[in-house]
Amino acid sequence: MHRQRGYNLIELMIVVAIVAIIAAIAYPSYTEQLRKSRRAECAGGLTSLASAMERYYTVNNTYLGAADGGNPTGDPAVFTETCPVDGGTATYNLTISAATASTFTVQAAPTGAQLKDKCGTLTLNNRGLKGISGAAAGLTPQDCW
């Protein structure tokens, strides 16, 4: 008599359960790591926007007018409006949130896949002061930058 060899249902279910447990642990960690890498990339983009603002100030002796239409606030005319700065699906929107003749604050607001990011909106001013708004309780700028 010839006996068939193979896996029985119990062995198969054990393997499926192990894979499900590993996936349940790994997937949230993976998505959080993606959010962190997008946030870090946009923090660099926000710093580049601040540098563009400084270049604008050097030429014009004011930060006013660096936004689209010569406005003091809004989408920047001196830099790209989204992160990643080299194109692709936008994860943050870059804006000039406040500008006077001698000061500015720029911000990166999450959009799309980054809306679930625990750090919320990143901010940077002309003195290099980094901040966050709309972040989860207990987070500091150092945690998010």
N, C-alpha and C. Protein backbone atom coordinates (compact mmCIF):
# COMPACT_ATOMS: atom_id res chain seq x y z
N MET A 1 0.84 -1.17 0.00
CA MET A 1 0.00 0.00 0.00
C MET A 1 0.89 1.24 0.00
N HIS A 2 0.54 2.21 -0.84
CA HIS A 2 1.33 3.44 -0.97
C HIS A 2 0.75 4.52 -0.06
N ARG A 3 1.61 5.10 0.77
CA ARG A 3 1.16 6.13 1.71
C ARG A 3 1.51 7.50 1.13
N GLN A 4 0.55 8.43 1.11
CA GLN A 4 0.82 9.78 0.62
C GLN A 4 1.51 10.57 1.72
N ARG A 5 2.44 11.39 1.27
CA ARG A 5 3.16 12.23 2.21
C ARG A 5 2.73 13.68 1.99
N GLY A 6 2.79 14.48 3.04
CA GLY A 6 2.41 15.88 2.94
C GLY A 6 2.14 16.45 4.32
N TYR A 7 1.54 17.61 4.34
CA TYR A 7 1.24 18.28 5.60
C TYR A 7 -0.23 18.07 5.94
N ASN A 8 -0.47 17.92 7.22
CA ASN A 8 -1.87 17.81 7.60
C ASN A 8 -2.41 19.19 7.96
N LEU A 9 -3.66 19.30 8.18
CA LEU A 9 -4.32 20.58 8.41
C LEU A 9 -3.82 21.28 9.66
N ILE A 10 -3.54 20.54 10.70
CA ILE A 10 -3.07 21.14 11.95
C ILE A 10 -1.70 21.79 11.74
N GLU A 11 -0.80 21.13 11.06
CA GLU A 11 0.51 21.71 10.79
C GLU A 11 0.38 22.99 9.96
N LEU A 12 -0.48 22.96 8.97
CA LEU A 12 -0.70 24.12 8.14
C LEU A 12 -1.27 25.29 8.95
N MET A 13 -2.21 25.03 9.84
CA MET A 13 -2.81 26.07 10.66
C MET A 13 -1.80 26.66 11.65
N ILE A 14 -0.89 25.85 12.16
CA ILE A 14 0.16 26.36 13.05
C ILE A 14 1.06 27.33 12.30
N VAL A 15 1.43 26.99 11.08
CA VAL A 15 2.28 27.86 10.28
C VAL A 15 1.54 29.17 9.97
N VAL A 16 0.28 29.09 9.62
CA VAL A 16 -0.51 30.29 9.33
C VAL A 16 -0.62 31.17 10.57
N ALA A 17 -0.81 30.58 11.74
CA ALA A 17 -0.90 31.34 12.98
C ALA A 17 0.41 32.04 13.29
N ILE A 18 1.52 31.37 13.09
CA ILE A 18 2.83 31.97 13.34
C ILE A 18 3.07 33.15 12.39
N VAL A 19 2.75 32.97 11.13
CA VAL A 19 2.91 34.05 10.15
C VAL A 19 2.02 35.23 10.51
N ALA A 20 0.79 34.97 10.94
CA ALA A 20 -0.14 36.05 11.32
C ALA A 20 0.39 36.83 12.52
N ILE A 21 0.95 36.14 13.49
CA ILE A 21 1.51 36.81 14.68
C ILE A 21 2.69 37.69 14.28
N ILE A 22 3.57 37.16 13.46
CA ILE A 22 4.73 37.95 13.00
C ILE A 22 4.27 39.17 12.22
N ALA A 23 3.28 38.99 11.34
CA ALA A 23 2.77 40.12 10.54
C ALA A 23 2.10 41.16 11.43
N ALA A 24 1.38 40.72 12.45
CA ALA A 24 0.70 41.66 13.35
C ALA A 24 1.69 42.51 14.12
N ILE A 25 2.86 42.00 14.38
CA ILE A 25 3.89 42.75 15.08
C ILE A 25 4.71 43.58 14.11
N ALA A 26 5.04 43.05 12.97
CA ALA A 26 5.94 43.70 12.03
C ALA A 26 5.30 44.84 11.25
N TYR A 27 4.05 44.69 10.82
CA TYR A 27 3.45 45.70 9.96
C TYR A 27 3.31 47.07 10.63
N PRO A 28 2.81 47.17 11.86
CA PRO A 28 2.75 48.49 12.50
C PRO A 28 4.14 49.12 12.67
N SER A 29 5.11 48.30 12.99
CA SER A 29 6.48 48.80 13.12
C SER A 29 7.00 49.32 11.78
N TYR A 30 6.69 48.61 10.74
CA TYR A 30 7.11 49.01 9.38
C TYR A 30 6.47 50.33 8.98
N THR A 31 5.17 50.48 9.20
CA THR A 31 4.50 51.73 8.81
C THR A 31 4.99 52.91 9.64
N GLU A 32 5.28 52.68 10.92
CA GLU A 32 5.82 53.77 11.75
C GLU A 32 7.22 54.17 11.27
N GLN A 33 8.01 53.21 10.86
CA GLN A 33 9.34 53.52 10.34
C GLN A 33 9.23 54.32 9.04
N LEU A 34 8.26 54.00 8.19
CA LEU A 34 8.04 54.79 6.97
C LEU A 34 7.66 56.23 7.32
N ARG A 35 6.80 56.41 8.31
CA ARG A 35 6.43 57.77 8.73
C ARG A 35 7.63 58.53 9.24
N LYS A 36 8.46 57.87 10.04
CA LYS A 36 9.66 58.52 10.57
C LYS A 36 10.61 58.94 9.45
N SER A 37 10.78 58.09 8.44
CA SER A 37 11.70 58.44 7.35
C SER A 37 11.13 59.58 6.51
N ARG A 38 9.81 59.60 6.27
CA ARG A 38 9.21 60.72 5.54
C ARG A 38 9.33 62.02 6.34
N ARG A 39 9.13 61.93 7.66
CA ARG A 39 9.25 63.11 8.52
C ARG A 39 10.68 63.65 8.49
N ALA A 40 11.66 62.76 8.57
CA ALA A 40 13.06 63.19 8.53
C ALA A 40 13.40 63.84 7.19
N GLU A 41 12.89 63.26 6.11
CA GLU A 41 13.13 63.84 4.78
C GLU A 41 12.53 65.24 4.70
N CYS A 42 11.34 65.42 5.24
CA CYS A 42 10.70 66.73 5.17
C CYS A 42 11.32 67.72 6.15
N ALA A 43 11.87 67.25 7.24
CA ALA A 43 12.59 68.16 8.13
C ALA A 43 13.76 68.78 7.37
N GLY A 44 14.42 68.00 6.54
CA GLY A 44 15.48 68.53 5.70
C GLY A 44 14.94 69.51 4.68
N GLY A 45 13.76 69.21 4.12
CA GLY A 45 13.12 70.12 3.18
C GLY A 45 12.72 71.43 3.84
N LEU A 46 12.26 71.36 5.08
CA LEU A 46 11.89 72.56 5.82
C LEU A 46 13.12 73.42 6.10
N THR A 47 14.23 72.78 6.41
CA THR A 47 15.48 73.51 6.61
C THR A 47 15.92 74.17 5.30
N SER A 48 15.73 73.49 4.18
CA SER A 48 16.06 74.07 2.88
C SER A 48 15.16 75.26 2.56
N LEU A 49 13.88 75.17 2.93
CA LEU A 49 12.98 76.31 2.75
C LEU A 49 13.45 77.50 3.58
N ALA A 50 13.89 77.24 4.82
CA ALA A 50 14.40 78.32 5.67
C ALA A 50 15.65 78.94 5.03
N SER A 51 16.50 78.14 4.42
CA SER A 51 17.68 78.67 3.72
C SER A 51 17.27 79.52 2.53
N ALA A 52 16.22 79.09 1.81
CA ALA A 52 15.72 79.88 0.68
C ALA A 52 15.17 81.22 1.19
N MET A 53 14.53 81.20 2.35
CA MET A 53 14.04 82.45 2.94
C MET A 53 15.20 83.38 3.28
N GLU A 54 16.28 82.82 3.80
CA GLU A 54 17.46 83.64 4.11
C GLU A 54 18.07 84.23 2.84
N ARG A 55 18.12 83.45 1.77
CA ARG A 55 18.62 83.98 0.50
C ARG A 55 17.72 85.11 0.00
N TYR A 56 16.40 84.94 0.15
CA TYR A 56 15.46 85.98 -0.24
C TYR A 56 15.72 87.25 0.56
N TYR A 57 15.95 87.09 1.85
CA TYR A 57 16.22 88.24 2.71
C TYR A 57 17.51 88.95 2.30
N THR A 58 18.53 88.19 1.92
CA THR A 58 19.81 88.76 1.51
C THR A 58 19.62 89.66 0.29
N VAL A 59 18.80 89.24 -0.63
CA VAL A 59 18.57 90.01 -1.86
C VAL A 59 17.62 91.19 -1.62
N ASN A 60 16.55 90.98 -0.83
CA ASN A 60 15.48 91.97 -0.69
C ASN A 60 15.47 92.74 0.63
N ASN A 61 16.31 92.37 1.57
CA ASN A 61 16.38 92.98 2.89
C ASN A 61 15.05 92.91 3.65
N THR A 62 14.24 91.89 3.35
CA THR A 62 12.99 91.63 4.04
C THR A 62 12.55 90.21 3.73
N TYR A 63 11.76 89.63 4.64
CA TYR A 63 11.17 88.32 4.38
C TYR A 63 9.80 88.46 3.73
N LEU A 64 9.22 89.65 3.79
CA LEU A 64 7.91 89.88 3.20
C LEU A 64 7.97 89.68 1.70
N GLY A 65 6.96 89.03 1.16
CA GLY A 65 6.90 88.82 -0.28
C GLY A 65 7.49 87.52 -0.75
N ALA A 66 7.96 86.67 0.16
CA ALA A 66 8.57 85.40 -0.23
C ALA A 66 7.52 84.35 -0.59
N ALA A 67 6.27 84.62 -0.28
CA ALA A 67 5.19 83.69 -0.61
C ALA A 67 4.63 84.01 -1.99
N ASP A 68 3.86 83.07 -2.53
CA ASP A 68 3.23 83.28 -3.84
C ASP A 68 2.45 84.59 -3.84
N GLY A 69 2.53 85.31 -4.94
CA GLY A 69 1.80 86.57 -5.09
C GLY A 69 2.39 87.70 -4.28
N GLY A 70 3.59 87.53 -3.72
CA GLY A 70 4.20 88.57 -2.92
C GLY A 70 3.59 88.73 -1.54
N ASN A 71 2.84 87.74 -1.11
CA ASN A 71 2.18 87.78 0.20
C ASN A 71 3.16 87.48 1.32
N PRO A 72 2.83 87.91 2.55
CA PRO A 72 3.70 87.57 3.68
C PRO A 72 3.53 86.13 4.16
N THR A 73 2.40 85.49 3.85
CA THR A 73 2.17 84.10 4.26
C THR A 73 1.60 83.32 3.09
N GLY A 74 1.64 82.00 3.20
CA GLY A 74 1.08 81.14 2.17
C GLY A 74 2.12 80.22 1.57
N ASP A 75 1.82 79.70 0.39
CA ASP A 75 2.75 78.81 -0.30
C ASP A 75 4.00 79.58 -0.69
N PRO A 76 5.17 78.99 -0.49
CA PRO A 76 6.40 79.72 -0.81
C PRO A 76 6.61 79.90 -2.31
N ALA A 77 7.07 81.08 -2.70
CA ALA A 77 7.45 81.35 -4.08
C ALA A 77 8.93 81.07 -4.27
N VAL A 78 9.67 80.94 -3.17
CA VAL A 78 11.12 80.79 -3.23
C VAL A 78 11.57 79.33 -3.12
N PHE A 79 10.62 78.42 -2.98
CA PHE A 79 10.95 77.01 -2.77
C PHE A 79 9.74 76.17 -3.15
N THR A 80 9.92 74.87 -3.24
CA THR A 80 8.82 73.97 -3.56
C THR A 80 7.76 73.99 -2.46
N GLU A 81 6.55 73.60 -2.79
CA GLU A 81 5.44 73.66 -1.84
C GLU A 81 5.16 72.34 -1.14
N THR A 82 5.83 71.25 -1.54
CA THR A 82 5.55 69.95 -0.93
C THR A 82 6.84 69.18 -0.66
N CYS A 83 6.71 68.23 0.24
CA CYS A 83 7.76 67.23 0.46
C CYS A 83 7.22 65.92 -0.06
N PRO A 84 8.01 65.10 -0.68
CA PRO A 84 9.44 65.26 -0.95
C PRO A 84 9.68 66.37 -1.98
N VAL A 85 10.78 67.08 -1.79
CA VAL A 85 11.07 68.26 -2.60
C VAL A 85 11.43 67.90 -4.04
N ASP A 86 11.83 66.67 -4.29
CA ASP A 86 12.21 66.27 -5.64
C ASP A 86 11.07 65.60 -6.40
N GLY A 87 9.85 65.72 -5.89
CA GLY A 87 8.68 65.18 -6.58
C GLY A 87 8.18 63.91 -5.92
N GLY A 88 7.15 63.36 -6.48
CA GLY A 88 6.53 62.17 -5.90
C GLY A 88 5.27 62.55 -5.17
N THR A 89 4.68 61.57 -4.53
CA THR A 89 3.45 61.80 -3.78
C THR A 89 3.73 62.66 -2.56
N ALA A 90 2.97 63.74 -2.43
CA ALA A 90 3.19 64.68 -1.32
C ALA A 90 2.87 64.03 0.02
N THR A 91 3.78 64.21 0.97
CA THR A 91 3.56 63.73 2.33
C THR A 91 3.44 64.91 3.31
N TYR A 92 3.95 66.07 2.93
CA TYR A 92 3.85 67.29 3.73
C TYR A 92 3.64 68.47 2.79
N ASN A 93 2.90 69.47 3.25
CA ASN A 93 2.75 70.73 2.53
C ASN A 93 3.59 71.79 3.24
N LEU A 94 4.47 72.44 2.50
CA LEU A 94 5.31 73.48 3.06
C LEU A 94 4.65 74.84 2.86
N THR A 95 4.60 75.64 3.93
CA THR A 95 4.03 76.98 3.84
C THR A 95 4.83 77.95 4.70
N ILE A 96 4.69 79.21 4.36
CA ILE A 96 5.22 80.28 5.21
C ILE A 96 4.05 80.69 6.09
N SER A 97 4.15 80.39 7.38
CA SER A 97 2.99 80.62 8.26
C SER A 97 3.00 82.02 8.85
N ALA A 98 4.16 82.66 8.90
CA ALA A 98 4.25 84.03 9.41
C ALA A 98 5.52 84.67 8.87
N ALA A 99 5.41 85.90 8.43
CA ALA A 99 6.59 86.62 7.96
C ALA A 99 6.41 88.10 8.22
N THR A 100 7.47 88.71 8.72
CA THR A 100 7.54 90.17 8.85
C THR A 100 8.78 90.60 8.10
N ALA A 101 9.13 91.85 8.22
CA ALA A 101 10.33 92.33 7.55
C ALA A 101 11.59 91.64 8.08
N SER A 102 11.56 91.25 9.37
CA SER A 102 12.79 90.71 9.97
C SER A 102 12.65 89.31 10.57
N THR A 103 11.48 88.71 10.52
CA THR A 103 11.30 87.36 11.07
C THR A 103 10.43 86.52 10.14
N PHE A 104 10.53 85.21 10.30
CA PHE A 104 9.64 84.30 9.57
C PHE A 104 9.47 83.02 10.36
N THR A 105 8.38 82.32 10.07
CA THR A 105 8.15 80.96 10.55
C THR A 105 7.61 80.16 9.37
N VAL A 106 8.25 79.02 9.12
CA VAL A 106 7.79 78.13 8.06
C VAL A 106 7.30 76.84 8.71
N GLN A 107 6.40 76.16 8.02
CA GLN A 107 5.85 74.93 8.60
C GLN A 107 5.67 73.86 7.54
N ALA A 108 5.67 72.62 8.02
CA ALA A 108 5.41 71.45 7.18
C ALA A 108 4.23 70.73 7.81
N ALA A 109 3.08 70.79 7.13
CA ALA A 109 1.86 70.15 7.62
C ALA A 109 1.68 68.80 6.93
N PRO A 110 1.46 67.73 7.70
CA PRO A 110 1.31 66.40 7.10
C PRO A 110 0.08 66.31 6.21
N THR A 111 0.20 65.52 5.17
CA THR A 111 -0.91 65.26 4.26
C THR A 111 -0.81 63.82 3.77
N GLY A 112 -1.89 63.30 3.28
CA GLY A 112 -1.89 61.95 2.72
C GLY A 112 -1.52 60.90 3.75
N ALA A 113 -0.52 60.09 3.41
CA ALA A 113 -0.09 58.99 4.27
C ALA A 113 0.46 59.47 5.61
N GLN A 114 0.91 60.72 5.70
CA GLN A 114 1.51 61.23 6.94
C GLN A 114 0.48 61.77 7.92
N LEU A 115 -0.78 61.81 7.56
CA LEU A 115 -1.79 62.36 8.47
C LEU A 115 -1.85 61.62 9.80
N LYS A 116 -1.44 60.36 9.82
CA LYS A 116 -1.45 59.58 11.06
C LYS A 116 -0.16 59.74 11.86
N ASP A 117 0.75 60.59 11.40
CA ASP A 117 2.02 60.78 12.10
C ASP A 117 1.77 61.43 13.46
N LYS A 118 2.39 60.89 14.49
CA LYS A 118 2.16 61.37 15.85
C LYS A 118 2.78 62.74 16.12
N CYS A 119 3.66 63.22 15.24
CA CYS A 119 4.34 64.49 15.49
C CYS A 119 3.59 65.70 14.95
N GLY A 120 2.60 65.52 14.12
CA GLY A 120 1.81 66.65 13.63
C GLY A 120 2.62 67.56 12.72
N THR A 121 2.41 68.86 12.86
CA THR A 121 3.03 69.86 12.00
C THR A 121 4.39 70.28 12.56
N LEU A 122 5.40 70.30 11.70
CA LEU A 122 6.74 70.74 12.07
C LEU A 122 6.87 72.23 11.75
N THR A 123 7.52 73.00 12.63
CA THR A 123 7.73 74.43 12.39
C THR A 123 9.21 74.77 12.58
N LEU A 124 9.62 75.85 11.92
CA LEU A 124 11.00 76.34 12.01
C LEU A 124 10.96 77.84 11.80
N ASN A 125 11.68 78.60 12.63
CA ASN A 125 11.68 80.05 12.45
C ASN A 125 13.06 80.55 12.03
N ASN A 126 13.17 81.86 11.86
CA ASN A 126 14.40 82.45 11.35
C ASN A 126 15.56 82.32 12.33
N ARG A 127 15.31 82.07 13.59
CA ARG A 127 16.38 81.87 14.57
C ARG A 127 16.81 80.40 14.67
N GLY A 128 16.16 79.55 13.88
CA GLY A 128 16.49 78.13 13.90
C GLY A 128 15.76 77.35 14.97
N LEU A 129 14.76 77.96 15.61
CA LEU A 129 13.99 77.30 16.65
C LEU A 129 13.01 76.32 16.02
N LYS A 130 13.15 75.05 16.38
CA LYS A 130 12.30 73.99 15.84
C LYS A 130 11.13 73.75 16.77
N GLY A 131 9.96 73.48 16.19
CA GLY A 131 8.79 73.24 17.00
C GLY A 131 7.86 72.24 16.34
N ILE A 132 6.82 71.88 17.10
CA ILE A 132 5.78 70.98 16.60
C ILE A 132 4.44 71.50 17.09
N SER A 133 3.39 71.22 16.34
CA SER A 133 2.05 71.55 16.81
C SER A 133 1.12 70.41 16.37
N GLY A 134 0.14 70.16 17.19
CA GLY A 134 -0.79 69.08 16.91
C GLY A 134 -0.20 67.71 17.14
N ALA A 135 0.84 67.63 17.96
CA ALA A 135 1.51 66.36 18.23
C ALA A 135 0.82 65.60 19.35
N ALA A 136 1.11 64.32 19.43
CA ALA A 136 0.59 63.48 20.51
C ALA A 136 1.13 64.00 21.85
N ALA A 137 0.38 63.77 22.89
CA ALA A 137 0.74 64.24 24.22
C ALA A 137 2.10 63.70 24.64
N GLY A 138 2.90 64.56 25.22
CA GLY A 138 4.19 64.15 25.75
C GLY A 138 5.35 64.23 24.77
N LEU A 139 5.08 64.53 23.51
CA LEU A 139 6.17 64.62 22.54
C LEU A 139 6.79 66.00 22.57
N THR A 140 8.09 66.06 22.38
CA THR A 140 8.81 67.32 22.30
C THR A 140 9.38 67.48 20.90
N PRO A 141 9.79 68.70 20.53
CA PRO A 141 10.41 68.88 19.22
C PRO A 141 11.62 67.97 19.00
N GLN A 142 12.36 67.70 20.04
CA GLN A 142 13.52 66.81 19.92
C GLN A 142 13.11 65.40 19.53
N ASP A 143 11.94 64.97 19.95
CA ASP A 143 11.43 63.63 19.59
C ASP A 143 11.10 63.55 18.11
N CYS A 144 10.67 64.66 17.54
CA CYS A 144 10.16 64.65 16.16
C CYS A 144 11.17 65.16 15.14
N TRP A 145 12.10 65.95 15.55
CA TRP A 145 13.11 66.45 14.63
C TRP A 145 14.29 65.53 14.69
